[in-house]
Amino acid sequence: MEITIFGYTEGQIAQFGLTFGVGAFILYMMFIVLNLARESKAGKFGTFIIFLVLSFGMLGFVAKNIIKWVLGI
């Protein structure tokens, strides 16, 4: 017996929450990194380095979704 909420299964709701919830969290973290770069007066190159280093971990999540989309999984 599969439980549905508004016509969606539990797995579909979890996938939606993971994709958009973590995506929203990533955008919020990018805002924090931008604010950090502004407050430290890092300049253009420093801001680029800060984004590169602090945002590198988020790249894996985005890459996973792109790979899944390309492969049709």
N, C-alpha and C. Protein backbone atom coordinates (compact mmCIF):
# COMPACT_ATOMS: atom_id res chain seq x y z
N MET A 1 0.85 -1.18 0.00
CA MET A 1 0.00 0.00 0.00
C MET A 1 0.89 1.24 0.00
N GLU A 2 0.71 2.07 -0.98
CA GLU A 2 1.52 3.27 -1.11
C GLU A 2 0.72 4.49 -0.68
N ILE A 3 1.29 5.27 0.20
CA ILE A 3 0.61 6.46 0.72
C ILE A 3 0.88 7.62 -0.22
N THR A 4 -0.16 8.37 -0.55
CA THR A 4 0.00 9.55 -1.39
C THR A 4 -0.55 10.76 -0.67
N ILE A 5 0.07 11.89 -0.93
CA ILE A 5 -0.39 13.16 -0.40
C ILE A 5 -0.57 14.09 -1.59
N PHE A 6 -1.79 14.54 -1.82
CA PHE A 6 -2.13 15.38 -2.96
C PHE A 6 -1.71 14.72 -4.28
N GLY A 7 -1.76 13.39 -4.32
CA GLY A 7 -1.42 12.67 -5.54
C GLY A 7 0.05 12.39 -5.73
N TYR A 8 0.89 12.75 -4.77
CA TYR A 8 2.33 12.52 -4.86
C TYR A 8 2.74 11.47 -3.85
N THR A 9 3.66 10.60 -4.23
CA THR A 9 4.15 9.60 -3.30
C THR A 9 5.17 10.22 -2.35
N GLU A 10 5.48 9.47 -1.31
CA GLU A 10 6.44 9.96 -0.33
C GLU A 10 7.81 10.18 -0.98
N GLY A 11 8.21 9.30 -1.88
CA GLY A 11 9.48 9.44 -2.57
C GLY A 11 9.54 10.68 -3.45
N GLN A 12 8.43 10.99 -4.12
CA GLN A 12 8.38 12.19 -4.96
C GLN A 12 8.47 13.46 -4.12
N ILE A 13 7.81 13.46 -2.99
CA ILE A 13 7.86 14.63 -2.10
C ILE A 13 9.27 14.79 -1.53
N ALA A 14 9.91 13.69 -1.15
CA ALA A 14 11.27 13.75 -0.62
C ALA A 14 12.24 14.26 -1.69
N GLN A 15 12.10 13.78 -2.93
CA GLN A 15 12.98 14.23 -4.01
C GLN A 15 12.79 15.72 -4.29
N PHE A 16 11.54 16.17 -4.28
CA PHE A 16 11.25 17.59 -4.48
C PHE A 16 11.88 18.43 -3.38
N GLY A 17 11.71 17.98 -2.14
CA GLY A 17 12.28 18.72 -1.00
C GLY A 17 13.79 18.75 -1.05
N LEU A 18 14.40 17.62 -1.44
CA LEU A 18 15.85 17.57 -1.52
C LEU A 18 16.36 18.51 -2.60
N THR A 19 15.76 18.43 -3.77
CA THR A 19 16.24 19.23 -4.90
C THR A 19 16.05 20.72 -4.65
N PHE A 20 14.84 21.13 -4.32
CA PHE A 20 14.57 22.55 -4.17
C PHE A 20 14.97 23.08 -2.80
N GLY A 21 14.88 22.26 -1.76
CA GLY A 21 15.29 22.70 -0.43
C GLY A 21 16.79 22.92 -0.35
N VAL A 22 17.56 21.97 -0.85
CA VAL A 22 19.01 22.12 -0.83
C VAL A 22 19.43 23.20 -1.82
N GLY A 23 18.71 23.31 -2.94
CA GLY A 23 19.00 24.39 -3.90
C GLY A 23 18.81 25.76 -3.28
N ALA A 24 17.73 25.92 -2.53
CA ALA A 24 17.49 27.20 -1.85
C ALA A 24 18.56 27.45 -0.79
N PHE A 25 18.97 26.40 -0.09
CA PHE A 25 20.03 26.52 0.91
C PHE A 25 21.35 26.94 0.25
N ILE A 26 21.63 26.40 -0.93
CA ILE A 26 22.84 26.78 -1.66
C ILE A 26 22.79 28.25 -2.04
N LEU A 27 21.65 28.72 -2.52
CA LEU A 27 21.52 30.15 -2.86
C LEU A 27 21.74 31.02 -1.63
N TYR A 28 21.21 30.60 -0.50
CA TYR A 28 21.41 31.36 0.74
C TYR A 28 22.88 31.37 1.14
N MET A 29 23.55 30.24 0.98
CA MET A 29 24.98 30.17 1.29
C MET A 29 25.78 31.06 0.35
N MET A 30 25.38 31.17 -0.91
CA MET A 30 26.06 32.06 -1.85
C MET A 30 25.91 33.51 -1.40
N PHE A 31 24.73 33.86 -0.89
CA PHE A 31 24.51 35.20 -0.35
C PHE A 31 25.45 35.46 0.84
N ILE A 32 25.62 34.46 1.70
CA ILE A 32 26.51 34.60 2.84
C ILE A 32 27.95 34.80 2.37
N VAL A 33 28.38 34.04 1.35
CA VAL A 33 29.74 34.17 0.83
C VAL A 33 29.93 35.55 0.23
N LEU A 34 28.93 36.05 -0.52
CA LEU A 34 29.02 37.39 -1.10
C LEU A 34 29.12 38.44 0.00
N ASN A 35 28.33 38.29 1.05
CA ASN A 35 28.37 39.23 2.17
C ASN A 35 29.73 39.19 2.86
N LEU A 36 30.31 38.00 3.00
CA LEU A 36 31.63 37.86 3.58
C LEU A 36 32.68 38.57 2.72
N ALA A 37 32.58 38.42 1.42
CA ALA A 37 33.54 39.08 0.51
C ALA A 37 33.41 40.60 0.60
N ARG A 38 32.18 41.09 0.70
CA ARG A 38 31.97 42.54 0.81
C ARG A 38 32.54 43.09 2.11
N GLU A 39 32.25 42.41 3.22
CA GLU A 39 32.68 42.90 4.52
C GLU A 39 34.20 42.84 4.69
N SER A 40 34.85 41.90 4.02
CA SER A 40 36.30 41.78 4.14
C SER A 40 37.02 42.68 3.14
N LYS A 41 36.26 43.37 2.27
CA LYS A 41 36.82 44.25 1.25
C LYS A 41 37.88 43.52 0.44
N ALA A 42 37.48 42.36 -0.08
CA ALA A 42 38.42 41.46 -0.74
C ALA A 42 38.82 41.93 -2.14
N GLY A 43 38.06 42.79 -2.77
CA GLY A 43 38.35 43.18 -4.14
C GLY A 43 37.83 42.13 -5.11
N LYS A 44 38.03 42.37 -6.40
CA LYS A 44 37.48 41.46 -7.41
C LYS A 44 38.16 40.10 -7.38
N PHE A 45 39.49 40.09 -7.36
CA PHE A 45 40.21 38.81 -7.36
C PHE A 45 39.97 38.05 -6.06
N GLY A 46 39.98 38.74 -4.94
CA GLY A 46 39.73 38.10 -3.65
C GLY A 46 38.33 37.52 -3.57
N THR A 47 37.35 38.25 -4.11
CA THR A 47 35.98 37.76 -4.14
C THR A 47 35.89 36.50 -4.99
N PHE A 48 36.60 36.50 -6.12
CA PHE A 48 36.61 35.31 -6.98
C PHE A 48 37.20 34.12 -6.23
N ILE A 49 38.30 34.32 -5.53
CA ILE A 49 38.93 33.23 -4.78
C ILE A 49 38.02 32.75 -3.66
N ILE A 50 37.37 33.66 -2.96
CA ILE A 50 36.46 33.28 -1.88
C ILE A 50 35.32 32.43 -2.44
N PHE A 51 34.72 32.87 -3.56
CA PHE A 51 33.64 32.09 -4.17
C PHE A 51 34.16 30.74 -4.65
N LEU A 52 35.34 30.71 -5.24
CA LEU A 52 35.89 29.47 -5.75
C LEU A 52 36.10 28.46 -4.63
N VAL A 53 36.73 28.89 -3.56
CA VAL A 53 37.07 27.97 -2.47
C VAL A 53 35.84 27.58 -1.66
N LEU A 54 35.06 28.56 -1.24
CA LEU A 54 33.93 28.26 -0.35
C LEU A 54 32.75 27.64 -1.08
N SER A 55 32.68 27.81 -2.39
CA SER A 55 31.55 27.27 -3.15
C SER A 55 31.88 25.96 -3.84
N PHE A 56 33.11 25.49 -3.73
CA PHE A 56 33.52 24.28 -4.42
C PHE A 56 32.73 23.06 -3.96
N GLY A 57 32.39 22.98 -2.68
CA GLY A 57 31.61 21.86 -2.17
C GLY A 57 30.20 21.81 -2.72
N MET A 58 29.65 22.96 -3.01
CA MET A 58 28.29 23.01 -3.57
C MET A 58 28.26 22.54 -5.01
N LEU A 59 29.39 22.59 -5.67
CA LEU A 59 29.47 22.19 -7.07
C LEU A 59 29.10 20.72 -7.25
N GLY A 60 29.44 19.89 -6.30
CA GLY A 60 29.10 18.47 -6.38
C GLY A 60 27.61 18.23 -6.44
N PHE A 61 26.84 18.94 -5.64
CA PHE A 61 25.39 18.79 -5.65
C PHE A 61 24.81 19.21 -6.98
N VAL A 62 25.27 20.33 -7.51
CA VAL A 62 24.78 20.82 -8.80
C VAL A 62 25.19 19.87 -9.91
N ALA A 63 26.44 19.39 -9.87
CA ALA A 63 26.92 18.47 -10.90
C ALA A 63 26.12 17.17 -10.89
N LYS A 64 25.79 16.68 -9.71
CA LYS A 64 25.00 15.45 -9.60
C LYS A 64 23.65 15.60 -10.30
N ASN A 65 22.99 16.72 -10.08
CA ASN A 65 21.70 16.93 -10.72
C ASN A 65 21.82 17.09 -12.23
N ILE A 66 22.87 17.75 -12.69
CA ILE A 66 23.07 17.91 -14.13
C ILE A 66 23.36 16.56 -14.77
N ILE A 67 24.19 15.75 -14.14
CA ILE A 67 24.50 14.42 -14.67
C ILE A 67 23.25 13.55 -14.73
N LYS A 68 22.44 13.59 -13.67
CA LYS A 68 21.18 12.83 -13.66
C LYS A 68 20.27 13.29 -14.78
N TRP A 69 20.21 14.59 -15.02
CA TRP A 69 19.34 15.14 -16.07
C TRP A 69 19.83 14.71 -17.45
N VAL A 70 21.14 14.78 -17.68
CA VAL A 70 21.70 14.41 -18.98
C VAL A 70 21.51 12.92 -19.26
N LEU A 71 21.73 12.09 -18.24
CA LEU A 71 21.59 10.65 -18.43
C LEU A 71 20.15 10.17 -18.39
N GLY A 72 19.25 11.04 -17.93
CA GLY A 72 17.83 10.68 -17.86
C GLY A 72 17.51 9.73 -16.74
N ILE A 73 18.24 9.82 -15.66
CA ILE A 73 18.01 8.92 -14.51
C ILE A 73 16.97 9.54 -13.59
